[in-house]
Structure formats: C-alpha cells, structure tokens
Amino acid sequence: MFIRPFKRDAPALLVTPRYFDLITDKISGRQQSSTSFVPKHLPVKEEDIDKLDRLISVSRNILILTGAGISTESGIPDYRSEGVGLYARSTNRPVQYRDFLKSEGVRKRYWARNYVGWPRFSSFSPNLTHLSVCKLVNDIGIARCVVTQNVDGLHTKAKTKNVIELHGSAFRVVCLSCDFKIERHAFQNLLAQLNPDVKIIDQMMRPDGDVEMTQDQVEGFNIPSCPSCAGLLKPDIVFFGDNVPKDRVEEVRNEVKLCDTLLVLGSSLTVFSAYRIVLQAADLHKPIAIVNIGDTRGDQHALIKVSAKCGDVIPHLCR
C-alpha cells in the first residue's frame, strides 16, 4: 500500500488493497459482470498499468471521458466492437433523428422496441469500472468530472458525483414542443396501460435500451402524446443525426479547460462529439491517456494508450 496527497487542502489519503475486496463485494449479489459483449483482448501489461499510474499520481484535476466500452462488462452491447457489437450481430441500425421526427411509423417502432427492452435495460448494474471511476471522483478526489457518452445511467447508479451525460439519459422522456418531462419508469407504466396486450419478451438488447422486433409485432402499438401540449415525446437522448445541446457542449469545453489530464475509457472516439474533447485537450497541451480495446480515433494525440479491458486496468488506479 502507499500514500498519495490527492485532494487539495486535504490530508493524504491511505488506500489499501482491501479496496479491491470491498468494491467486488458491491458487485456480488447484485449482478455479475458479463463478458458476452466484451471484444477479444489480451491481458493488460503490468508496464502499461505502471505508466498510467505514474501519470495519475501527478494529476490533481482529471477529466474522465467514458464510452460504451465500459458498459459491455455490465452486459450492455456497444455498436462497433468487432464480432460482438450491434453492427456485427444485426443489420438493423439506430434510429436517425430526422426519421423519428417525420415518421409516426418510426416512432411507433422505436417505442414498441424500447418498451419491451426497458425492464432488462433498466436493471443493469454498474461494474468494476463504474465503481472505480466513482472512487476516483467521490473519495480519492483526483478526478473533478466525468463526461459520459453513455445513456445507460450506470454512473448515476454508481452514485458518481459531477457527471455530464453528453448524449443524455434513457431514464428521462421529454416533449419536443414544451418543457414537459417524465421519468422513464413512469412512462413505462403509461405505455403498459395503452398496450395491455404487448408481452415483455427477452430478446437481444441494443445499446440504447430497445430490442429487435418485427413490423408485425409493432403494428397497433399505441404511443402517447405530451399531456401538456399534445407534442411529440422522445427519450432525453441525442439520436444519431441530432446535435448535443449547445449549453452542454460549452459545459464540457469548460471542464476540458479546467482539467490537468484527460482520461478516456472505453471509447473508440468515432463520433465527433467525443473526439472534439480530445482535440481540445490536445490543443491545450493537456496530457491524454486512453484505455480501450483496439484502436481509437484519438490515439495519435495520446501520451499513453493502453489496449485492454477497462475493468482490468482502472481498479489498479485506486490502490
């Protein structure tokens, strides 16, 4: 064990190996981590952990950016992983925002699949990476903020402070015409009342919480309008083809300015909304570390790149 003076204006914090037992106990009995959606990978190298640990040990203000790769160990597939991602398992593609707006059929298909998949999607639990990130933010205090591309709410379930949900949250539903909002669990009850004959079945889960269904299965599915203005309701997430709200973009840009290190976990950085965070950090000469299975769009900007499963790496930073 060793001592690091992590928090400003705080005494040095002693972290022992017992942490690994405690954090594993949190997962045991709730939901075991899943490997069915984790891509093939090699064991992490000890020298890679040492290099990353040395960078973290001199950082006091880390910004953590997380992607779908950290949630695959919880049993949620990502889109792009070779062999195990949604694109490798299915020919279906995510709903485009413009199609959701203009087509009632697209909206019915989306909500029907989302309704069937919601009980399973909402039951997933944080894994070792989520809990370790929480430890870095809440307890050790060297990370000031987490920006996540994920809409699965697992950082919130882990009780991590200062989380910016870059692409929103699947746990909220909003009206596109007024300020009406409703929790997704309450919306599920409303959908159940309108569709009493639709059965909840166990099918392949998608990263945004819905499942595969045929057109016949979604015919006749009823979706409610906004109770305040009769407008369209959508999950409070950024669809493909949509834009991240400007105020959220500015909030993230400010966090990049304030951080002294950017740590990217489980993201290929394919989408520009995440990649531009790396570009800004690089422009500001902030050290960048990336932990991800396989190549990422930002590898050329990284001071340290660890090609490994996040769950094999991040807990070591909490020692």
Protein backbone atom coordinates (compact mmCIF):
# COMPACT_ATOMS: atom_id res chain seq x y z
CA MET A 1 0.00 0.00 0.00
CA PHE A 2 1.06 3.60 -0.46
CA ILE A 3 0.02 7.19 0.21
CA ARG A 4 -0.94 9.91 -2.25
CA PRO A 5 -1.88 13.50 -1.35
CA PHE A 6 -4.75 13.58 -3.82
CA LYS A 7 -7.19 16.24 -2.64
CA ARG A 8 -6.32 19.87 -2.47
CA ASP A 9 -6.40 21.19 1.12
CA ALA A 10 -6.94 17.65 2.39
CA PRO A 11 -4.71 15.22 4.27
CA ALA A 12 -3.01 12.42 2.40
CA LEU A 13 -5.34 9.50 1.71
CA LEU A 14 -4.42 5.94 2.57
CA VAL A 15 -5.81 3.38 0.13
CA THR A 16 -5.20 -0.30 0.84
CA PRO A 17 -5.59 -3.45 -1.25
CA ARG A 18 -8.73 -4.15 0.80
CA TYR A 19 -10.41 -1.74 -1.63
CA PHE A 20 -10.48 -4.47 -4.27
CA ASP A 21 -12.36 -6.80 -1.91
CA LEU A 22 -14.84 -4.10 -0.93
CA ILE A 23 -15.57 -2.97 -4.47
CA THR A 24 -16.02 -6.57 -5.65
CA ASP A 25 -18.45 -7.17 -2.79
CA LYS A 26 -20.59 -4.33 -4.14
CA ILE A 27 -21.00 -6.18 -7.42
CA SER A 28 -21.52 -9.64 -5.89
CA GLY A 29 -25.15 -10.34 -5.13
CA ARG A 30 -26.45 -7.61 -7.44
CA GLN A 31 -25.36 -8.54 -10.93
CA GLN A 32 -22.23 -10.30 -12.05
CA SER A 33 -20.26 -8.63 -14.79
CA SER A 34 -20.83 -10.07 -18.26
CA THR A 35 -18.23 -10.85 -20.88
CA SER A 36 -20.53 -11.81 -23.76
CA PHE A 37 -20.29 -8.33 -25.30
CA VAL A 38 -16.63 -7.67 -24.47
CA PRO A 39 -14.43 -7.90 -27.60
CA LYS A 40 -11.44 -10.22 -27.73
CA HIS A 41 -8.48 -8.70 -25.94
CA LEU A 42 -5.09 -9.52 -24.49
CA PRO A 43 -4.27 -9.38 -20.77
CA VAL A 44 -3.17 -5.96 -19.61
CA LYS A 45 0.59 -5.45 -19.34
CA GLU A 46 1.98 -4.52 -15.96
CA GLU A 47 4.19 -1.86 -17.55
CA ASP A 48 1.10 -0.21 -19.08
CA ILE A 49 -0.55 -0.03 -15.67
CA ASP A 50 2.65 1.42 -14.22
CA LYS A 51 2.85 4.14 -16.90
CA LEU A 52 -0.78 5.08 -16.40
CA ASP A 53 -0.39 5.02 -12.64
CA ARG A 54 2.58 7.40 -12.80
CA LEU A 55 0.54 9.89 -14.84
CA ILE A 56 -2.42 9.64 -12.49
CA SER A 57 -0.21 10.05 -9.42
CA VAL A 58 0.87 13.54 -10.52
CA SER A 59 -2.61 14.61 -11.63
CA ARG A 60 -4.96 16.57 -9.39
CA ASN A 61 -7.76 17.53 -11.75
CA ILE A 62 -8.58 14.67 -14.12
CA LEU A 63 -11.43 14.82 -16.61
CA ILE A 64 -12.71 11.31 -17.36
CA LEU A 65 -14.46 10.62 -20.68
CA THR A 66 -16.29 7.28 -20.83
CA GLY A 67 -17.82 5.40 -23.74
CA ALA A 68 -19.83 2.25 -24.39
CA GLY A 69 -16.78 0.06 -23.82
CA ILE A 70 -17.05 0.47 -20.06
CA SER A 71 -20.62 -0.86 -20.00
CA THR A 72 -20.07 -4.03 -22.03
CA GLU A 73 -18.86 -5.68 -18.83
CA SER A 74 -22.28 -4.96 -17.33
CA GLY A 75 -23.94 -6.83 -20.20
CA ILE A 76 -24.84 -3.91 -22.47
CA PRO A 77 -23.51 -4.26 -26.03
CA ASP A 78 -21.84 -1.40 -27.85
CA TYR A 79 -22.36 -0.59 -31.52
CA ARG A 80 -18.99 -1.10 -33.17
CA SER A 81 -16.93 -3.80 -31.40
CA GLU A 82 -15.73 -6.46 -33.82
CA GLY A 83 -17.72 -9.67 -33.54
CA VAL A 84 -19.81 -8.69 -30.51
CA GLY A 85 -21.15 -5.17 -31.17
CA LEU A 86 -24.63 -4.46 -32.51
CA TYR A 87 -23.36 -3.78 -36.04
CA ALA A 88 -21.69 -7.20 -36.10
CA ARG A 89 -24.77 -9.01 -34.78
CA SER A 90 -27.53 -7.30 -36.73
CA THR A 91 -28.23 -5.49 -39.99
CA ASN A 92 -30.52 -3.03 -38.19
CA ARG A 93 -29.16 0.42 -37.46
CA PRO A 94 -30.06 3.06 -34.85
CA VAL A 95 -32.98 5.38 -35.49
CA GLN A 96 -32.00 8.65 -37.15
CA TYR A 97 -33.35 11.79 -35.53
CA ARG A 98 -34.89 13.14 -38.74
CA ASP A 99 -36.76 9.86 -39.26
CA PHE A 100 -38.07 9.91 -35.69
CA LEU A 101 -39.43 13.43 -36.25
CA LYS A 102 -41.14 12.89 -39.58
CA SER A 103 -42.45 9.31 -39.38
CA GLU A 104 -45.11 8.05 -36.97
CA GLY A 105 -44.20 4.52 -38.05
CA VAL A 106 -40.59 5.04 -36.97
CA ARG A 107 -41.73 6.44 -33.62
CA LYS A 108 -44.08 3.51 -33.05
CA ARG A 109 -41.33 1.02 -33.90
CA TYR A 110 -38.86 2.79 -31.62
CA TRP A 111 -41.19 2.98 -28.64
CA ALA A 112 -42.50 -0.58 -29.09
CA ARG A 113 -38.98 -1.99 -29.04
CA ASN A 114 -37.93 0.30 -26.23
CA TYR A 115 -40.98 -0.69 -24.18
CA VAL A 116 -40.18 -4.38 -24.50
CA GLY A 117 -36.49 -3.89 -23.74
CA TRP A 118 -36.86 -1.43 -20.86
CA PRO A 119 -37.26 -3.84 -17.91
CA ARG A 120 -33.99 -5.56 -18.77
CA PHE A 121 -32.09 -2.41 -19.78
CA SER A 122 -33.07 -0.54 -16.62
CA SER A 123 -31.96 -3.46 -14.43
CA PHE A 124 -28.27 -3.40 -15.40
CA SER A 125 -25.82 -2.60 -12.62
CA PRO A 126 -22.52 -0.69 -12.51
CA ASN A 127 -19.45 -2.85 -12.94
CA LEU A 128 -15.94 -2.61 -11.54
CA THR A 129 -15.01 0.26 -13.88
CA HIS A 130 -18.03 2.39 -12.92
CA LEU A 131 -17.34 1.82 -9.23
CA SER A 132 -13.65 2.61 -9.64
CA VAL A 133 -14.45 5.84 -11.51
CA CYS A 134 -16.79 6.74 -8.66
CA LYS A 135 -13.95 6.12 -6.22
CA LEU A 136 -11.61 8.41 -8.17
CA VAL A 137 -14.19 11.21 -8.18
CA ASN A 138 -16.03 10.92 -4.86
CA ASP A 139 -13.44 9.50 -2.47
CA ILE A 140 -9.89 9.93 -3.74
CA GLY A 141 -10.75 13.25 -5.36
CA ILE A 142 -8.26 13.43 -8.22
CA ALA A 143 -10.99 13.44 -10.87
CA ARG A 144 -13.19 16.53 -10.97
CA CYS A 145 -15.76 15.44 -13.52
CA VAL A 146 -16.97 12.54 -15.67
CA VAL A 147 -18.26 13.13 -19.19
CA THR A 148 -20.04 10.03 -20.48
CA GLN A 149 -21.23 9.19 -23.96
CA ASN A 150 -23.46 6.51 -22.47
CA VAL A 151 -27.20 6.88 -21.90
CA ASP A 152 -27.43 3.84 -19.59
CA GLY A 153 -27.35 5.75 -16.28
CA LEU A 154 -24.74 3.44 -14.75
CA HIS A 155 -22.55 6.28 -13.47
CA THR A 156 -25.63 7.64 -11.69
CA LYS A 157 -26.40 4.20 -10.26
CA ALA A 158 -22.82 4.07 -9.00
CA LYS A 159 -23.58 7.41 -7.25
CA THR A 160 -20.74 9.21 -9.02
CA LYS A 161 -20.74 12.97 -8.48
CA ASN A 162 -20.30 15.58 -11.23
CA VAL A 163 -21.39 13.51 -14.23
CA ILE A 164 -22.17 15.21 -17.54
CA GLU A 165 -24.31 12.96 -19.75
CA LEU A 166 -23.05 14.11 -23.14
CA HIS A 167 -25.71 12.24 -25.10
CA GLY A 168 -28.44 12.48 -22.48
CA SER A 169 -30.13 9.76 -20.46
CA ALA A 170 -32.52 6.96 -21.41
CA PHE A 171 -34.07 7.34 -17.97
CA ARG A 172 -35.94 10.52 -18.95
CA VAL A 173 -38.57 11.33 -21.58
CA VAL A 174 -39.11 14.88 -22.84
CA CYS A 175 -41.54 16.76 -25.05
CA LEU A 176 -40.10 18.33 -28.19
CA SER A 177 -42.56 21.24 -28.09
CA CYS A 178 -42.73 22.27 -24.43
CA ASP A 179 -40.82 21.75 -21.17
CA PHE A 180 -42.75 18.63 -20.11
CA LYS A 181 -40.57 15.85 -18.70
CA ILE A 182 -41.35 12.45 -17.22
CA GLU A 183 -39.20 9.74 -15.69
CA ARG A 184 -38.80 6.73 -17.97
CA HIS A 185 -40.15 4.30 -15.34
CA ALA A 186 -43.37 6.34 -15.10
CA PHE A 187 -43.57 6.47 -18.89
CA GLN A 188 -43.24 2.67 -18.95
CA ASN A 189 -46.38 2.42 -16.81
CA LEU A 190 -48.20 4.72 -19.22
CA LEU A 191 -47.15 2.60 -22.20
CA ALA A 192 -48.30 -0.53 -20.37
CA GLN A 193 -51.75 0.98 -19.82
CA LEU A 194 -52.04 1.85 -23.51
CA ASN A 195 -50.72 -1.52 -24.71
CA PRO A 196 -52.02 -4.22 -22.34
CA ASP A 197 -51.65 -7.00 -24.91
CA VAL A 198 -47.97 -6.42 -25.69
CA LYS A 199 -45.84 -9.00 -23.92
CA ILE A 200 -42.40 -8.33 -22.48
CA ILE A 201 -40.05 -10.85 -24.08
CA ASP A 202 -36.32 -11.45 -23.70
CA GLN A 203 -34.50 -10.59 -26.92
CA MET A 204 -31.15 -9.15 -27.96
CA MET A 205 -30.52 -5.83 -26.26
CA ARG A 206 -29.36 -2.73 -28.11
CA PRO A 207 -27.09 -0.05 -26.60
CA ASP A 208 -29.97 2.45 -26.25
CA GLY A 209 -32.25 0.00 -24.47
CA ASP A 210 -34.56 -1.41 -27.12
CA VAL A 211 -34.73 -4.86 -28.71
CA GLU A 212 -35.22 -6.34 -32.15
CA MET A 213 -38.89 -6.65 -33.20
CA THR A 214 -40.64 -7.36 -36.49
CA GLN A 215 -43.01 -4.90 -38.13
CA ASP A 216 -45.91 -7.21 -37.31
CA GLN A 217 -45.04 -7.01 -33.63
CA VAL A 218 -45.20 -3.21 -33.57
CA GLU A 219 -48.38 -2.77 -35.57
CA GLY A 220 -51.09 -1.34 -33.37
CA PHE A 221 -48.65 -0.18 -30.68
CA ASN A 222 -50.01 2.96 -29.05
CA ILE A 223 -47.74 5.86 -28.12
CA PRO A 224 -48.96 8.80 -26.04
CA SER A 225 -48.62 12.46 -26.91
CA CYS A 226 -47.45 15.10 -24.46
CA PRO A 227 -50.18 15.59 -21.83
CA SER A 228 -49.41 19.31 -21.71
CA CYS A 229 -49.35 20.30 -25.38
CA ALA A 230 -50.01 17.11 -27.41
CA GLY A 231 -46.47 17.34 -28.83
CA LEU A 232 -44.06 14.52 -29.67
CA LEU A 233 -42.36 12.68 -26.82
CA LYS A 234 -38.85 11.28 -27.17
CA PRO A 235 -36.25 9.84 -24.83
CA ASP A 236 -33.93 12.53 -23.48
CA ILE A 237 -31.03 11.25 -25.57
CA VAL A 238 -29.12 12.58 -28.56
CA PHE A 239 -30.18 10.43 -31.51
CA PHE A 240 -27.90 9.72 -34.43
CA GLY A 241 -28.10 12.79 -36.68
CA ASP A 242 -29.04 15.05 -33.76
CA ASN A 243 -26.81 17.63 -32.07
CA VAL A 244 -25.59 17.83 -28.50
CA PRO A 245 -27.24 20.87 -26.86
CA LYS A 246 -25.01 23.95 -27.05
CA ASP A 247 -25.05 24.60 -23.31
CA ARG A 248 -23.85 21.05 -22.69
CA VAL A 249 -21.07 21.45 -25.26
CA GLU A 250 -19.92 24.63 -23.51
CA GLU A 251 -20.05 22.94 -20.12
CA VAL A 252 -17.77 20.18 -21.38
CA ARG A 253 -15.42 22.66 -23.05
CA ASN A 254 -15.06 24.47 -19.75
CA GLU A 255 -14.25 21.21 -17.96
CA VAL A 256 -11.52 20.50 -20.50
CA LYS A 257 -10.01 23.92 -19.81
CA LEU A 258 -10.02 23.29 -16.06
CA CYS A 259 -8.61 19.76 -16.09
CA ASP A 260 -4.92 18.87 -15.96
CA THR A 261 -5.32 15.41 -17.54
CA LEU A 262 -7.85 13.77 -19.85
CA LEU A 263 -8.51 10.06 -19.24
CA VAL A 264 -10.55 8.31 -21.95
CA LEU A 265 -12.13 4.98 -21.01
CA GLY A 266 -13.87 2.55 -23.35
CA SER A 267 -14.48 4.84 -26.30
CA SER A 268 -13.38 4.48 -29.91
CA LEU A 269 -13.96 8.25 -30.24
CA THR A 270 -15.67 7.63 -33.57
CA VAL A 271 -18.40 10.22 -33.03
CA PHE A 272 -17.20 13.80 -33.26
CA SER A 273 -18.97 14.94 -30.09
CA ALA A 274 -16.45 12.83 -28.14
CA TYR A 275 -13.47 13.23 -30.46
CA ARG A 276 -13.56 17.02 -30.23
CA ILE A 277 -13.00 16.71 -26.48
CA VAL A 278 -9.69 15.01 -27.24
CA LEU A 279 -8.87 17.61 -29.90
CA GLN A 280 -9.47 20.45 -27.45
CA ALA A 281 -7.34 18.78 -24.78
CA ALA A 282 -4.55 18.26 -27.31
CA ASP A 283 -4.74 21.90 -28.43
CA LEU A 284 -4.39 22.95 -24.78
CA HIS A 285 -1.41 20.59 -24.33
CA LYS A 286 -3.18 18.52 -21.69
CA PRO A 287 -1.78 15.01 -21.25
CA ILE A 288 -4.19 12.42 -22.65
CA ALA A 289 -4.42 8.77 -21.64
CA ILE A 290 -6.69 6.28 -23.42
CA VAL A 291 -7.77 2.85 -22.20
CA ASN A 292 -9.73 0.94 -24.84
CA ILE A 293 -9.75 -2.44 -26.53
CA GLY A 294 -8.49 -1.72 -30.03
CA ASP A 295 -7.62 1.46 -31.89
CA THR A 296 -9.35 4.79 -31.35
CA ARG A 297 -9.67 7.93 -33.42
CA GLY A 298 -7.61 9.83 -30.86
CA ASP A 299 -4.62 7.51 -30.47
CA GLN A 300 -2.24 9.91 -32.20
CA HIS A 301 -2.96 12.52 -29.51
CA ALA A 302 -2.45 10.18 -26.55
CA LEU A 303 0.57 10.33 -24.29
CA ILE A 304 -0.40 6.87 -23.03
CA LYS A 305 -2.53 4.28 -24.83
CA VAL A 306 -3.47 1.06 -23.06
CA SER A 307 -5.18 -1.51 -25.27
CA ALA A 308 -7.04 -3.51 -22.64
CA LYS A 309 -10.36 -4.08 -20.95
CA CYS A 310 -11.13 -1.16 -18.63
CA GLY A 311 -12.11 -3.49 -15.80
CA ASP A 312 -8.59 -4.94 -15.85
CA VAL A 313 -6.97 -1.52 -15.57
CA ILE A 314 -8.96 1.16 -13.75
CA PRO A 315 -9.27 -0.55 -10.33
CA HIS A 316 -5.46 -0.51 -10.11
CA LEU A 317 -5.56 3.30 -10.16
CA CYS A 318 -7.45 3.20 -6.85
CA ARG A 319 -4.78 1.28 -4.97
